C-alpha atoms as a PDB file:
ATOM      1  CA  MET A   1     -19.177-106.781  18.313  1.00  0.00           C
ATOM      2  CA  GLU A   2     -15.913-104.870  18.511  1.00  0.00           C
ATOM      3  CA  PRO A   3     -15.949-101.545  20.392  1.00  0.00           C
ATOM      4  CA  ASN A   4     -14.917 -99.583  17.288  1.00  0.00           C
ATOM      5  CA  SER A   5     -17.667-101.089  15.145  1.00  0.00           C
ATOM      6  CA  PHE A   6     -20.186-100.206  17.877  1.00  0.00           C
ATOM      7  CA  LYS A   7     -18.967 -96.606  17.924  1.00  0.00           C
ATOM      8  CA  ILE A   8     -18.983 -96.325  14.152  1.00  0.00           C
ATOM      9  CA  GLY A   9     -22.501 -97.755  14.044  1.00  0.00           C
ATOM     10  CA  PHE A  10     -23.663 -95.324  16.714  1.00  0.00           C
ATOM     11  CA  TYR A  11     -22.116 -92.349  14.922  1.00  0.00           C
ATOM     12  CA  ASN A  12     -23.665 -93.359  11.588  1.00  0.00           C
ATOM     13  CA  LYS A  13     -27.048 -93.631  13.290  1.00  0.00           C
ATOM     14  CA  LEU A  14     -26.479 -90.209  14.851  1.00  0.00           C
ATOM     15  CA  LYS A  15     -25.659 -88.684  11.487  1.00  0.00           C
ATOM     16  CA  ASN A  16     -28.881 -90.070  10.032  1.00  0.00           C
ATOM     17  CA  ARG A  17     -30.841 -88.755  12.996  1.00  0.00           C
ATOM     18  CA  LEU A  18     -29.377 -85.290  12.511  1.00  0.00           C
ATOM     19  CA  PHE A  19     -30.598 -85.289   8.932  1.00  0.00           C
ATOM     20  CA  GLY A  20     -33.975 -86.498  10.219  1.00  0.00           C
ATOM     21  CA  LEU A  21     -33.978 -83.595  12.659  1.00  0.00           C
ATOM     22  CA  LEU A  22     -33.519 -81.163   9.780  1.00  0.00           C
ATOM     23  CA  CYS A  23     -36.399 -82.802   7.882  1.00  0.00           C
ATOM     24  CA  GLU A  24     -38.601 -82.583  10.982  1.00  0.00           C
ATOM     25  CA  LYS A  25     -37.830 -78.871  11.325  1.00  0.00           C
ATOM     26  CA  GLU A  26     -38.614 -78.272   7.639  1.00  0.00           C
ATOM     27  CA  LYS A  27     -42.057 -79.828   7.972  1.00  0.00           C
ATOM     28  CA  ASN A  28     -42.748 -77.999  11.265  1.00  0.00           C
ATOM     29  CA  GLY A  29     -42.921 -81.287  13.149  1.00  0.00           C
ATOM     30  CA  ALA A  30     -41.917 -82.132  16.704  1.00  0.00           C
ATOM     31  CA  TRP A  31     -38.250 -81.350  16.071  1.00  0.00           C
ATOM     32  CA  GLU A  32     -37.590 -79.992  19.581  1.00  0.00           C
ATOM     33  CA  LYS A  33     -38.507 -83.325  21.203  1.00  0.00           C
ATOM     34  CA  PHE A  34     -36.404 -85.096  18.599  1.00  0.00           C
ATOM     35  CA  LEU A  35     -33.463 -82.803  19.416  1.00  0.00           C
ATOM     36  CA  ASP A  36     -33.899 -83.394  23.143  1.00  0.00           C
ATOM     37  CA  THR A  37     -33.757 -87.157  22.574  1.00  0.00           C
ATOM     38  CA  ILE A  38     -30.522 -86.831  20.597  1.00  0.00           C
ATOM     39  CA  LEU A  39     -28.965 -84.657  23.309  1.00  0.00           C
ATOM     40  CA  ILE A  40     -30.004 -87.040  26.088  1.00  0.00           C
ATOM     41  CA  GLU A  41     -28.345 -89.907  24.247  1.00  0.00           C
ATOM     42  CA  LEU A  42     -25.161 -87.911  23.725  1.00  0.00           C
ATOM     43  CA  TYR A  43     -25.022 -86.768  27.348  1.00  0.00           C
ATOM     44  CA  GLY A  44     -25.289 -90.379  28.449  1.00  0.00           C
ATOM     45  CA  LEU A  45     -22.297 -91.579  26.477  1.00  0.00           C
ATOM     46  CA  ASN A  46     -20.050 -92.616  29.291  1.00  0.00           C
ATOM     47  CA  ARG A  47     -18.699 -95.665  27.456  1.00  0.00           C
ATOM     48  CA  LEU A  48     -17.701 -93.913  24.277  1.00  0.00           C
ATOM     49  CA  ASP A  49     -14.608 -91.800  24.224  1.00  0.00           C
ATOM     50  CA  LYS A  50     -15.468 -88.142  24.203  1.00  0.00           C
ATOM     51  CA  SER A  51     -12.986 -86.816  21.702  1.00  0.00           C
ATOM     52  CA  ILE A  52     -12.239 -83.235  20.769  1.00  0.00           C
ATOM     53  CA  ASN A  53     -15.117 -83.232  18.246  1.00  0.00           C
ATOM     54  CA  TYR A  54     -17.651 -84.377  20.849  1.00  0.00           C
ATOM     55  CA  PHE A  55     -17.716 -81.096  22.773  1.00  0.00           C
ATOM     56  CA  PRO A  56     -18.320 -78.747  19.802  1.00  0.00           C
ATOM     57  CA  LEU A  57     -21.025 -81.168  18.664  1.00  0.00           C
ATOM     58  CA  ILE A  58     -22.835 -80.909  22.008  1.00  0.00           C
ATOM     59  CA  GLY A  59     -22.435 -77.134  22.044  1.00  0.00           C
ATOM     60  CA  LYS A  60     -23.849 -76.684  18.552  1.00  0.00           C
ATOM     61  CA  LEU A  61     -26.753 -79.060  19.112  1.00  0.00           C
ATOM     62  CA  SER A  62     -27.623 -77.415  22.413  1.00  0.00           C
ATOM     63  CA  GLU A  63     -28.083 -74.051  20.707  1.00  0.00           C
ATOM     64  CA  LEU A  64     -30.251 -75.206  17.792  1.00  0.00           C
ATOM     65  CA  LYS A  65     -33.463 -74.172  19.559  1.00  0.00           C
ATOM     66  CA  TYR A  66     -32.401 -70.547  19.392  1.00  0.00           C
ATOM     67  CA  LEU A  67     -31.434 -70.346  15.717  1.00  0.00           C
ATOM     68  CA  ASN A  68     -33.505 -69.234  12.764  1.00  0.00           C
ATOM     69  CA  TYR A  69     -33.937 -71.745   9.953  1.00  0.00           C
ATOM     70  CA  GLU A  70     -30.960 -70.568   7.879  1.00  0.00           C
ATOM     71  CA  TYR A  71     -28.492 -70.990  10.763  1.00  0.00           C
ATOM     72  CA  PHE A  72     -30.278 -74.110  12.015  1.00  0.00           C
ATOM     73  CA  ARG A  73     -29.715 -75.819   8.661  1.00  0.00           C
ATOM     74  CA  LYS A  74     -26.087 -74.683   8.450  1.00  0.00           C
ATOM     75  CA  THR A  75     -25.418 -75.884  11.991  1.00  0.00           C
ATOM     76  CA  ILE A  76     -26.987 -79.296  11.331  1.00  0.00           C
ATOM     77  CA  PHE A  77     -24.585 -79.823   8.422  1.00  0.00           C
ATOM     78  CA  GLU A  78     -21.662 -78.660  10.595  1.00  0.00           C
ATOM     79  CA  CYS A  79     -22.727 -81.216  13.199  1.00  0.00           C
ATOM     80  CA  MET A  80     -22.929 -83.929  10.566  1.00  0.00           C
ATOM     81  CA  ASN A  81     -19.350 -83.055   9.547  1.00  0.00           C
ATOM     82  CA  LEU A  82     -18.248 -83.319  13.187  1.00  0.00           C
ATOM     83  CA  VAL A  83     -19.864 -86.756  13.412  1.00  0.00           C
ATOM     84  CA  GLU A  84     -18.056 -87.738  10.215  1.00  0.00           C
ATOM     85  CA  GLU A  85     -14.776 -86.740  11.917  1.00  0.00           C
ATOM     86  CA  LEU A  86     -15.716 -88.899  14.911  1.00  0.00           C
ATOM     87  CA  ILE A  87     -16.229 -91.814  12.509  1.00  0.00           C
ATOM     88  CA  LYS A  88     -12.855 -91.199  10.848  1.00  0.00           C
ATOM     89  CA  ASN A  89     -11.165 -91.187  14.246  1.00  0.00           C
ATOM     90  CA  GLU A  90     -12.569 -94.658  14.937  1.00  0.00           C
ATOM     91  CA  SER A  91     -11.615 -96.179  11.580  1.00  0.00           C
END
């Protein structure tokens, strides 16, 4: 598997997981554990290039626990847009 296709696959999976995180929050599920898992995976990305969109993504995700639902939802979609930019940078 080519490095770019691995990165694109990872970013697509991440985007889906972010949407899943929003769904988990909406149904009052275990969204905080889900968020922690996403952050742990992102912190461990030493093989993937950490581009300019990586750092705002980490910052926004790290603050989700402190946001009310309205801002939580808005921030999730902002993060999904950042991931989309990461995908475009790899294509």
